[in-house]
């Protein structure tokens, strides 16, 4: 607890909040001065009063966010904590850009606020941020939507990261908005003047990924008739977004790790190193720690990428954001030329009852369908229910039950195999044939993860090395010479 000589200045036009804060801070040993006026707060600051400011954003005479840079100019050492019921990404971003020590959305937890006060008073002095990047609130370009506690934490994290070039790892299910967060980090960050370049690892053939990332020289491989510029060079001065990083093949993982370690790379077939002048933001829907245990992802690369982790919650974990998201998507649909629509209260409640396996992307697609297909201006619950029923997968499908397990996948393929032999299954070697179908991809993946090192592969599989060699011969698997 801080000394009672510390004085906290509070500005909020809500008397109840002023009272609650004054009592809580007073019980913690602080002296408190509270006002409903931004002008009074400014006078106190100019007079040299206070060791910390806690200010609301919306006040009768001035916006609290506009006060922050003025306070930092006259008293750079004075920390400012911003509170707001306008709990959007842009509020958190502006608070960070204008030099606020912390941003707290309303309603706030008193314990959290007291913790912020202690940290603010104990924190070392740092230079005030550059205000040159401030711009008017572009509400129509708002990249992230939602006021749930989970989204508030993401806003605060992203706002802090816009002033850095730290590498970020974004995780979350498909459709949760990973690229939106990556773009927000770029568009509102220090590198916004440079390009934003995205590459989806799952969409590039594995033999082309290194060339796509690092470029290639003329004649580096068959078909390389000219020098090719890779994504690292295209993104120079900006942000490189590596989407679905969990699908990157092992050989490309090794090269990427070297770039992150050394800060430079060479093109495929090239000799001269090129400086890697990019900020890396990676994303995946996979559990990379599980991939590491399975030998599919390099642990050292994971820790190089996972400098700042951001987990995006699935929509089912933030159902309170559905009304805002639905309104946002309907507005976007109208902006794209579709008829303007609104939802009835019952329709919104019906949306909250859905499990949303496709997350926010599924909700956006639904809003566009409703806007396009239904003539009424106000969409009711029956229309929403009908569209959700049409979109739901069959009851016996893996999508209805969540991610498909390996056993379910094998069973599904075996059923298809049985169905393809209506005149009866083959009577010989069925057991061995099925095992071979499973063994082949398993051994191929493990050998790829170990770069052909048969000793490591055998240990990972729990097999004797001679047994592994025998299986490689039987299954006619390619062998990387010199590594096993």
Protein backbone atom coordinates (compact mmCIF):
# COMPACT_ATOMS: atom_id res chain seq x y z
CA UNK A 1 0.00 0.00 0.00
CA UNK A 2 1.28 3.46 -0.86
CA UNK A 3 1.85 6.25 1.61
CA UNK A 4 -1.14 8.46 2.50
CA UNK A 5 0.88 11.43 1.20
CA UNK A 6 0.03 10.32 -2.33
CA UNK A 7 -2.90 12.23 -3.81
CA UNK A 8 -5.20 10.84 -6.49
CA UNK A 9 -7.12 13.25 -8.74
CA UNK A 10 -10.44 11.88 -10.02
CA UNK A 11 -12.58 13.35 -12.80
CA UNK A 12 -15.92 11.71 -13.59
CA UNK A 13 -19.36 13.23 -14.18
CA UNK A 14 -21.03 10.27 -12.42
CA UNK A 15 -21.38 11.10 -8.73
CA UNK A 16 -21.78 7.45 -7.75
CA UNK A 17 -18.47 6.50 -9.39
CA UNK A 18 -16.71 9.45 -7.75
CA UNK A 19 -18.04 8.33 -4.36
CA UNK A 20 -17.09 4.67 -4.82
CA UNK A 21 -13.59 5.54 -6.01
CA UNK A 22 -13.02 8.12 -3.29
CA UNK A 23 -14.05 5.66 -0.57
CA UNK A 24 -12.03 2.75 -1.96
CA UNK A 25 -8.87 4.84 -2.44
CA UNK A 26 -9.32 6.54 0.92
CA UNK A 27 -9.53 3.15 2.68
CA UNK A 28 -6.28 2.21 0.92
CA UNK A 29 -4.49 5.19 2.46
CA UNK A 30 -4.58 7.68 -0.40
CA UNK A 31 -5.72 11.28 -0.33
CA UNK A 32 -8.40 11.95 -2.96
CA UNK A 33 -9.69 15.02 -4.79
CA UNK A 34 -12.69 14.39 -7.05
CA UNK A 35 -14.51 16.56 -9.57
CA UNK A 36 -17.13 16.24 -12.31
CA UNK A 37 -15.35 18.80 -14.48
CA UNK A 38 -12.43 18.42 -16.87
CA UNK A 39 -11.62 22.10 -16.44
CA UNK A 40 -11.28 21.70 -12.66
CA UNK A 41 -9.03 18.69 -13.15
CA UNK A 42 -6.88 20.70 -15.55
CA UNK A 43 -6.56 23.55 -13.03
CA UNK A 44 -5.39 21.09 -10.34
CA UNK A 45 -2.84 19.63 -12.72
CA UNK A 46 -1.52 23.07 -13.70
CA UNK A 47 -1.23 23.97 -10.01
CA UNK A 48 1.02 20.95 -9.49
CA UNK A 49 -1.47 18.96 -7.43
CA UNK A 50 -1.82 15.19 -7.44
CA UNK A 51 0.44 12.19 -7.95
CA UNK A 52 -1.95 10.31 -10.25
CA UNK A 53 -4.98 11.18 -12.41
CA UNK A 54 -8.00 8.93 -12.97
CA UNK A 55 -10.29 10.42 -15.61
CA UNK A 56 -13.43 9.45 -17.46
CA UNK A 57 -13.58 10.00 -21.23
CA UNK A 58 -17.00 11.61 -21.65
CA UNK A 59 -17.46 14.69 -19.44
CA UNK A 60 -19.68 17.76 -19.87
CA UNK A 61 -16.97 20.24 -20.75
CA UNK A 62 -14.19 18.22 -22.45
CA UNK A 63 -13.27 14.74 -23.62
CA UNK A 64 -10.94 13.10 -21.09
CA UNK A 65 -8.81 11.62 -23.87
CA UNK A 66 -8.02 15.13 -25.11
CA UNK A 67 -6.72 16.00 -21.65
CA UNK A 68 -4.13 13.23 -21.61
CA UNK A 69 -1.58 14.73 -24.08
CA UNK A 70 -1.99 18.17 -22.48
CA UNK A 71 -1.25 16.69 -19.07
CA UNK A 72 1.79 14.85 -20.46
CA UNK A 73 3.12 18.08 -21.96
CA UNK A 74 3.00 20.14 -18.74
CA UNK A 75 3.71 17.29 -16.30
CA UNK A 76 5.33 14.34 -18.09
CA UNK A 77 5.85 12.48 -14.81
CA UNK A 78 2.12 12.46 -13.92
CA UNK A 79 0.49 9.11 -14.73
CA UNK A 80 -3.05 9.13 -16.16
CA UNK A 81 -5.51 6.23 -15.95
CA UNK A 82 -8.42 6.49 -18.39
CA UNK A 83 -11.85 4.99 -17.69
CA UNK A 84 -14.67 4.71 -20.20
CA UNK A 85 -18.05 3.12 -20.74
CA UNK A 86 -17.33 3.50 -24.47
CA UNK A 87 -15.41 0.25 -24.27
CA UNK A 88 -14.27 -0.12 -27.87
CA UNK A 89 -10.95 -0.95 -29.45
CA UNK A 90 -10.51 2.66 -30.59
CA UNK A 91 -10.93 3.95 -27.03
CA UNK A 92 -8.21 1.62 -25.77
CA UNK A 93 -6.00 2.48 -28.72
CA UNK A 94 -6.36 6.25 -28.31
CA UNK A 95 -5.69 5.99 -24.58
CA UNK A 96 -2.44 4.17 -25.30
CA UNK A 97 -1.42 6.45 -28.18
CA UNK A 98 -2.00 9.61 -26.18
CA UNK A 99 0.12 8.48 -23.28
CA UNK A 100 -2.31 7.02 -20.73
CA UNK A 101 -0.68 4.63 -18.28
CA UNK A 102 -3.68 2.27 -18.39
CA UNK A 103 -7.18 2.03 -19.81
CA UNK A 104 -10.01 0.50 -17.78
CA UNK A 105 -13.42 -0.24 -19.32
CA UNK A 106 -16.53 0.39 -17.22
CA UNK A 107 -17.80 -1.32 -15.20
CA UNK A 108 -14.42 -2.03 -13.61
CA UNK A 109 -13.31 -4.22 -10.74
CA UNK A 110 -12.18 -2.19 -7.70
CA UNK A 111 -9.37 -4.63 -6.91
CA UNK A 112 -8.06 -4.27 -10.45
CA UNK A 113 -8.24 -0.49 -10.24
CA UNK A 114 -6.34 -0.43 -6.93
CA UNK A 115 -3.72 -2.69 -8.49
CA UNK A 116 -3.40 -0.29 -11.45
CA UNK A 117 -3.02 2.66 -9.06
CA UNK A 118 -0.21 0.90 -7.20
CA UNK A 119 1.59 0.03 -10.43
CA UNK A 120 1.19 3.54 -11.82
CA UNK A 121 2.67 5.15 -8.71
CA UNK A 122 5.55 2.67 -8.56
CA UNK A 123 6.39 2.52 -12.28
CA UNK A 124 9.65 4.09 -13.55
CA UNK A 125 9.45 7.14 -15.77
CA UNK A 126 9.38 6.60 -19.54
CA UNK A 127 9.35 9.14 -22.40
CA UNK A 128 5.93 10.34 -23.51
CA UNK A 129 4.74 8.74 -26.79
CA UNK A 130 4.84 10.59 -30.08
CA UNK A 131 1.47 12.19 -30.76
CA UNK A 132 2.06 12.65 -34.48
CA UNK A 133 0.12 9.52 -35.32
CA UNK A 134 -3.17 10.66 -33.78
CA UNK A 135 -6.12 10.85 -36.09
CA UNK A 136 -9.86 11.30 -35.83
CA UNK A 137 -11.96 8.36 -34.70
CA UNK A 138 -12.67 6.39 -37.90
CA UNK A 139 -15.70 4.55 -36.51
CA UNK A 140 -16.60 3.17 -39.91
CA UNK A 141 -13.20 1.43 -40.02
CA UNK A 142 -13.45 -0.11 -36.56
CA UNK A 143 -11.52 -3.39 -36.93
CA UNK A 144 -12.68 -5.17 -33.76
CA UNK A 145 -16.17 -5.29 -32.26
CA UNK A 146 -17.39 -6.34 -28.82
CA UNK A 147 -17.59 -5.18 -25.22
CA UNK A 148 -17.23 -8.51 -23.41
CA UNK A 149 -14.45 -8.79 -20.80
CA UNK A 150 -12.50 -11.09 -23.14
CA UNK A 151 -12.56 -8.52 -25.95
CA UNK A 152 -11.67 -5.67 -23.57
CA UNK A 153 -8.48 -7.51 -22.63
CA UNK A 154 -7.65 -7.98 -26.32
CA UNK A 155 -8.21 -4.27 -26.99
CA UNK A 156 -5.83 -3.33 -24.21
CA UNK A 157 -3.19 -5.80 -25.34
CA UNK A 158 -3.36 -4.72 -28.99
CA UNK A 159 -3.29 -1.04 -28.00
CA UNK A 160 -0.09 -1.58 -26.01
CA UNK A 161 1.51 -3.55 -28.85
CA UNK A 162 0.94 -0.85 -31.46
CA UNK A 163 3.86 1.09 -29.96
CA UNK A 164 6.26 -1.87 -30.34
CA UNK A 165 7.64 -4.20 -33.02
CA UNK A 166 7.35 -7.30 -30.83
CA UNK A 167 6.54 -10.60 -32.55
CA UNK A 168 2.96 -11.70 -31.84
CA UNK A 169 1.33 -15.14 -31.94
CA UNK A 170 -2.46 -15.07 -32.42
CA UNK A 171 -4.34 -18.28 -31.64
CA UNK A 172 -8.02 -19.06 -31.99
CA UNK A 173 -10.53 -21.17 -33.84
CA UNK A 174 -11.28 -20.51 -37.50
CA UNK A 175 -13.51 -17.48 -37.94
CA UNK A 176 -12.55 -15.69 -34.72
CA UNK A 177 -10.84 -12.79 -36.50
CA UNK A 178 -7.13 -13.55 -36.33
CA UNK A 179 -6.33 -11.55 -39.48
CA UNK A 180 -8.38 -8.61 -38.17
CA UNK A 181 -6.15 -8.47 -35.10
CA UNK A 182 -3.03 -8.77 -37.24
CA UNK A 183 -4.24 -5.88 -39.42
CA UNK A 184 -5.08 -3.78 -36.37
CA UNK A 185 -1.54 -4.30 -35.07
CA UNK A 186 -0.24 -3.06 -38.42
CA UNK A 187 -2.74 -0.32 -39.28
CA UNK A 188 -2.44 1.40 -35.89
CA UNK A 189 1.21 0.55 -35.22
CA UNK A 190 4.57 2.11 -35.94
CA UNK A 191 4.87 0.32 -39.30
CA UNK A 192 1.51 1.44 -40.72
CA UNK A 193 3.34 3.37 -43.44
CA UNK A 194 4.76 0.11 -44.81
CA UNK A 195 3.01 -2.82 -46.52
CA UNK A 196 0.90 -5.48 -44.82
CA UNK A 197 1.71 -8.80 -46.50
CA UNK A 198 -0.14 -12.00 -45.62
CA UNK A 199 0.68 -15.59 -46.55
CA UNK A 200 -1.41 -18.63 -45.64
CA UNK A 201 0.84 -21.62 -45.01
CA UNK A 202 -2.00 -24.08 -45.52
CA UNK A 203 -2.70 -22.73 -49.03
CA UNK A 204 0.85 -23.00 -50.44
CA UNK A 205 2.27 -26.32 -51.72
CA UNK A 206 5.03 -27.37 -49.33
CA UNK A 207 7.66 -27.44 -52.08
CA UNK A 208 6.95 -23.77 -52.88
CA UNK A 209 6.76 -22.29 -49.37
CA UNK A 210 10.45 -21.40 -49.06
CA UNK A 211 10.40 -19.67 -52.45
CA UNK A 212 7.18 -17.83 -51.53
CA UNK A 213 8.69 -16.62 -48.25
CA UNK A 214 12.26 -15.84 -49.20
CA UNK A 215 12.18 -15.49 -52.99
CA UNK A 216 14.40 -17.33 -55.47
CA UNK A 217 17.15 -16.69 -57.95
CA UNK A 218 16.91 -17.35 -61.65
CA UNK A 219 17.65 -21.01 -62.31
CA UNK A 220 17.26 -22.01 -58.64
CA UNK A 221 14.84 -24.76 -59.68
CA UNK A 222 13.01 -25.97 -62.75
CA UNK A 223 10.74 -23.22 -63.99
CA UNK A 224 12.59 -20.40 -62.20
CA UNK A 225 13.12 -18.32 -65.35
CA UNK A 226 13.49 -15.03 -63.47
CA UNK A 227 14.33 -13.85 -59.99
CA UNK A 228 11.29 -14.09 -57.71
CA UNK A 229 10.60 -11.64 -54.87
CA UNK A 230 9.51 -13.37 -51.67
CA UNK A 231 7.08 -12.17 -49.02
CA UNK A 232 9.87 -11.05 -46.68
CA UNK A 233 11.10 -8.58 -49.32
CA UNK A 234 7.57 -7.53 -50.25
CA UNK A 235 6.84 -6.71 -46.59
CA UNK A 236 10.04 -4.69 -46.03
CA UNK A 237 9.31 -1.82 -43.66
CA UNK A 238 5.91 -3.27 -42.75
CA UNK A 239 4.27 -6.37 -41.30
CA UNK A 240 4.47 -9.99 -42.47
CA UNK A 241 1.43 -12.02 -41.38
CA UNK A 242 2.14 -15.76 -41.31
CA UNK A 243 -1.32 -17.30 -41.19
CA UNK A 244 -1.79 -20.97 -40.24
CA UNK A 245 1.83 -21.18 -39.11
CA UNK A 246 1.11 -24.64 -37.71
CA UNK A 247 0.92 -25.96 -41.29
CA UNK A 248 4.45 -24.83 -42.17
CA UNK A 249 6.59 -27.83 -43.25
CA UNK A 250 9.67 -28.69 -41.15
CA UNK A 251 12.27 -27.52 -43.67
CA UNK A 252 10.66 -24.07 -43.91
CA UNK A 253 10.43 -23.92 -40.11
CA UNK A 254 14.22 -24.28 -39.94
CA UNK A 255 14.79 -21.40 -42.36
CA UNK A 256 12.27 -19.17 -40.59
CA UNK A 257 13.95 -19.85 -37.25
CA UNK A 258 17.28 -18.77 -38.74
CA UNK A 259 15.73 -15.53 -39.98
CA UNK A 260 14.28 -14.77 -36.54
CA UNK A 261 17.62 -15.53 -34.89
CA UNK A 262 19.90 -13.67 -37.30
CA UNK A 263 17.61 -10.98 -38.71
CA UNK A 264 18.51 -11.82 -42.30
CA UNK A 265 17.80 -14.41 -44.99
CA UNK A 266 18.96 -15.62 -48.38
CA UNK A 267 16.81 -16.36 -51.40
CA UNK A 268 16.46 -19.92 -52.65
CA UNK A 269 19.58 -20.44 -54.73
CA UNK A 270 21.05 -17.16 -53.53
CA UNK A 271 24.25 -16.41 -51.60
CA UNK A 272 23.97 -12.80 -50.47
CA UNK A 273 22.13 -12.21 -47.16
CA UNK A 274 19.20 -9.77 -47.16
CA UNK A 275 18.18 -7.82 -44.06
CA UNK A 276 14.77 -8.88 -42.74
CA UNK A 277 13.09 -5.53 -42.04
CA UNK A 278 9.63 -6.78 -41.03
CA UNK A 279 7.44 -7.21 -38.00
CA UNK A 280 6.26 -10.82 -37.70
CA UNK A 281 2.69 -11.64 -36.69
CA UNK A 282 1.82 -15.35 -36.79
CA UNK A 283 -1.53 -17.06 -36.35
CA UNK A 284 -2.86 -20.60 -36.06
CA UNK A 285 -5.99 -22.50 -35.11
CA UNK A 286 -3.85 -25.47 -34.01
CA UNK A 287 -2.55 -26.33 -30.55
CA UNK A 288 1.14 -25.79 -31.30
CA UNK A 289 2.25 -27.30 -28.00
CA UNK A 290 0.51 -30.51 -29.02
CA UNK A 291 2.21 -30.24 -32.44
CA UNK A 292 5.56 -29.90 -30.65
CA UNK A 293 4.89 -33.05 -28.64
CA UNK A 294 4.03 -34.85 -31.88
CA UNK A 295 7.26 -33.64 -33.50
CA UNK A 296 5.38 -31.58 -36.08
CA UNK A 297 6.52 -28.13 -34.95
CA UNK A 298 9.88 -26.91 -33.70
CA UNK A 299 9.88 -25.93 -30.05
CA UNK A 300 12.60 -23.30 -30.54
CA UNK A 301 10.61 -21.68 -33.36
CA UNK A 302 7.49 -21.65 -31.19
CA UNK A 303 9.22 -19.64 -28.49
CA UNK A 304 10.65 -17.24 -31.07
CA UNK A 305 7.15 -16.59 -32.41
CA UNK A 306 5.26 -16.69 -29.12
CA UNK A 307 6.83 -13.50 -27.71
CA UNK A 308 3.39 -12.00 -27.06
CA UNK A 309 0.50 -14.50 -27.26
CA UNK A 310 -3.03 -13.31 -28.01
CA UNK A 311 -5.86 -15.84 -27.72
CA UNK A 312 -9.07 -14.93 -29.52
CA UNK A 313 -12.12 -16.40 -27.78
CA UNK A 314 -14.69 -18.34 -29.82
CA UNK A 315 -18.04 -16.62 -30.22
CA UNK A 316 -19.70 -19.07 -27.81
CA UNK A 317 -17.50 -17.62 -25.04
CA UNK A 318 -18.68 -14.04 -25.68
CA UNK A 319 -22.36 -14.32 -26.47
CA UNK A 320 -22.96 -10.85 -25.01
CA UNK A 321 -21.15 -9.45 -28.08
CA UNK A 322 -23.61 -10.97 -30.55
CA UNK A 323 -25.99 -7.95 -30.70
CA UNK A 324 -23.10 -5.56 -31.47
CA UNK A 325 -21.54 -7.93 -33.99
CA UNK A 326 -24.85 -8.59 -35.72
CA UNK A 327 -25.54 -4.85 -36.03
CA UNK A 328 -22.00 -4.30 -37.32
CA UNK A 329 -22.36 -7.03 -39.97
CA UNK A 330 -25.79 -5.76 -41.06
CA UNK A 331 -24.31 -2.28 -41.47
CA UNK A 332 -21.47 -3.72 -43.55
CA UNK A 333 -23.97 -5.64 -45.68
CA UNK A 334 -25.89 -2.40 -46.29
CA UNK A 335 -22.64 -0.66 -47.22
CA UNK A 336 -22.04 -3.41 -49.78
CA UNK A 337 -25.38 -2.70 -51.46
CA UNK A 338 -27.70 -5.11 -49.66
CA UNK A 339 -31.00 -3.86 -48.15
CA UNK A 340 -30.82 -2.31 -44.68
CA UNK A 341 -32.17 -4.63 -41.98
CA UNK A 342 -32.54 -4.84 -38.22
CA UNK A 343 -33.15 -7.71 -35.82
CA UNK A 344 -36.03 -8.13 -33.39
CA UNK A 345 -35.18 -8.77 -29.73
CA UNK A 346 -36.41 -12.35 -30.13
CA UNK A 347 -34.14 -12.81 -33.15
CA UNK A 348 -31.14 -11.67 -31.13
CA UNK A 349 -32.02 -14.13 -28.37
CA UNK A 350 -32.26 -16.90 -30.98
CA UNK A 351 -28.76 -16.01 -32.16
CA UNK A 352 -27.46 -16.40 -28.61
CA UNK A 353 -28.81 -19.96 -28.46
CA UNK A 354 -26.66 -21.11 -31.38
CA UNK A 355 -23.29 -22.81 -30.75
CA UNK A 356 -21.48 -20.90 -33.57
CA UNK A 357 -18.94 -23.48 -34.74
CA UNK A 358 -17.92 -21.02 -37.47
CA UNK A 359 -17.61 -18.14 -34.97
CA UNK A 360 -17.89 -14.50 -36.10
CA UNK A 361 -17.39 -15.44 -39.75
CA UNK A 362 -20.46 -17.67 -39.57
CA UNK A 363 -22.45 -14.83 -37.97
CA UNK A 364 -21.39 -12.41 -40.71
CA UNK A 365 -22.43 -14.84 -43.44
CA UNK A 366 -25.79 -15.31 -41.72
CA UNK A 367 -26.41 -11.55 -41.54
CA UNK A 368 -25.64 -11.19 -45.25
CA UNK A 369 -28.06 -14.01 -46.11
CA UNK A 370 -30.80 -12.49 -44.00
CA UNK A 371 -30.27 -9.08 -45.59
CA UNK A 372 -30.34 -10.53 -49.09
CA UNK A 373 -33.14 -13.10 -48.84
CA UNK A 374 -35.80 -11.66 -46.52
CA UNK A 375 -38.02 -8.75 -47.63
CA UNK A 376 -39.08 -7.54 -44.17
CA UNK A 377 -37.09 -4.69 -42.63
CA UNK A 378 -37.09 -6.30 -39.17
CA UNK A 379 -35.83 -9.89 -39.16
CA UNK A 380 -37.69 -12.07 -36.67
CA UNK A 381 -36.67 -15.15 -34.70
CA UNK A 382 -38.39 -17.54 -37.14
CA UNK A 383 -36.25 -16.31 -40.02
CA UNK A 384 -33.09 -16.61 -37.95
CA UNK A 385 -34.06 -20.10 -36.79
CA UNK A 386 -34.83 -21.25 -40.33
CA UNK A 387 -31.48 -20.05 -41.64
CA UNK A 388 -29.55 -21.55 -38.73
CA UNK A 389 -31.29 -24.90 -39.24
CA UNK A 390 -30.39 -24.86 -42.93
CA UNK A 391 -26.76 -24.09 -42.11
CA UNK A 392 -26.32 -26.73 -39.40
CA UNK A 393 -24.47 -29.91 -40.43
CA UNK A 394 -26.23 -33.28 -40.25
CA UNK A 395 -26.57 -34.67 -36.75
CA UNK A 396 -24.12 -37.51 -37.44
CA UNK A 397 -21.39 -35.31 -38.92
CA UNK A 398 -18.16 -34.53 -37.15
CA UNK A 399 -18.81 -30.77 -37.40
CA UNK A 400 -21.89 -31.09 -35.20
CA UNK A 401 -19.83 -32.69 -32.44
CA UNK A 402 -16.72 -30.53 -32.63
CA UNK A 403 -13.26 -31.42 -33.98
CA UNK A 404 -13.01 -34.91 -35.42
CA UNK A 405 -10.76 -37.35 -33.56
CA UNK A 406 -8.32 -39.66 -35.33
CA UNK A 407 -10.49 -42.66 -34.46
CA UNK A 408 -13.57 -40.96 -35.92
CA UNK A 409 -11.68 -40.06 -39.08
CA UNK A 410 -10.45 -43.64 -39.54
CA UNK A 411 -13.93 -45.02 -38.93
CA UNK A 412 -15.44 -42.60 -41.44
CA UNK A 413 -12.95 -43.63 -44.12
CA UNK A 414 -13.48 -47.32 -43.37
CA UNK A 415 -17.24 -46.89 -43.75
CA UNK A 416 -16.63 -45.28 -47.13
CA UNK A 417 -14.33 -48.19 -48.03
CA UNK A 418 -16.99 -50.72 -47.05
CA UNK A 419 -19.64 -48.81 -48.98
CA UNK A 420 -17.49 -48.91 -52.10
CA UNK A 421 -17.47 -52.73 -52.05
CA UNK A 422 -21.16 -53.52 -52.22
CA UNK A 423 -20.43 -57.02 -53.50
CA UNK A 424 -18.44 -57.84 -50.39
CA UNK A 425 -15.13 -56.86 -48.82
CA UNK A 426 -11.84 -58.34 -50.05
CA UNK A 427 -11.38 -61.63 -48.25
CA UNK A 428 -7.58 -61.50 -47.92
CA UNK A 429 -5.17 -59.26 -46.02
CA UNK A 430 -7.76 -56.65 -45.00
CA UNK A 431 -6.12 -56.07 -41.59
CA UNK A 432 -2.64 -55.56 -43.09
CA UNK A 433 -4.00 -53.33 -45.84
CA UNK A 434 -5.73 -51.00 -43.35
CA UNK A 435 -2.63 -50.83 -41.11
CA UNK A 436 -0.47 -49.97 -44.11
CA UNK A 437 -2.80 -47.09 -45.02
CA UNK A 438 -2.34 -45.63 -41.51
CA UNK A 439 1.38 -46.43 -41.23
CA UNK A 440 2.38 -44.79 -44.48
CA UNK A 441 1.29 -41.19 -43.67
CA UNK A 442 2.39 -41.56 -40.02
CA UNK A 443 5.93 -42.60 -40.91
CA UNK A 444 6.13 -40.04 -43.71
CA UNK A 445 5.14 -37.21 -41.33
CA UNK A 446 7.51 -38.29 -38.55
CA UNK A 447 10.43 -38.69 -40.95
CA UNK A 448 9.67 -35.24 -42.32
CA UNK A 449 9.58 -33.75 -38.81
CA UNK A 450 12.98 -35.29 -38.00
CA UNK A 451 14.42 -34.35 -41.43
CA UNK A 452 15.00 -38.00 -42.24
CA UNK A 453 16.85 -38.83 -39.01
CA UNK A 454 15.81 -42.45 -38.48
CA UNK A 455 17.22 -42.64 -34.95
CA UNK A 456 15.04 -39.73 -33.82
CA UNK A 457 12.07 -41.02 -35.81
CA UNK A 458 12.35 -44.50 -34.26
CA UNK A 459 12.51 -42.99 -30.77
CA UNK A 460 9.49 -40.80 -31.48
CA UNK A 461 7.51 -43.77 -32.79
CA UNK A 462 8.66 -46.13 -30.04
CA UNK A 463 10.10 -48.56 -32.59
CA UNK A 464 13.40 -50.36 -32.92
CA UNK A 465 15.55 -48.68 -35.60
CA UNK A 466 15.80 -51.90 -37.60
CA UNK A 467 12.02 -52.26 -37.46
CA UNK A 468 11.63 -48.74 -38.79
CA UNK A 469 14.09 -49.42 -41.63
CA UNK A 470 12.15 -52.56 -42.54
CA UNK A 471 8.87 -50.66 -42.64
CA UNK A 472 10.43 -47.91 -44.78
CA UNK A 473 11.46 -50.57 -47.31
CA UNK A 474 8.08 -52.35 -47.18
CA UNK A 475 6.11 -49.15 -47.63
CA UNK A 476 8.54 -47.81 -50.26
CA UNK A 477 8.98 -44.50 -48.42
CA UNK A 478 11.55 -41.95 -49.66
CA UNK A 479 14.71 -41.69 -47.53
CA UNK A 480 16.79 -38.56 -46.98
CA UNK A 481 20.37 -39.83 -47.15
CA UNK A 482 22.98 -38.80 -44.64
CA UNK A 483 20.55 -37.93 -41.83
CA UNK A 484 19.71 -41.31 -40.39
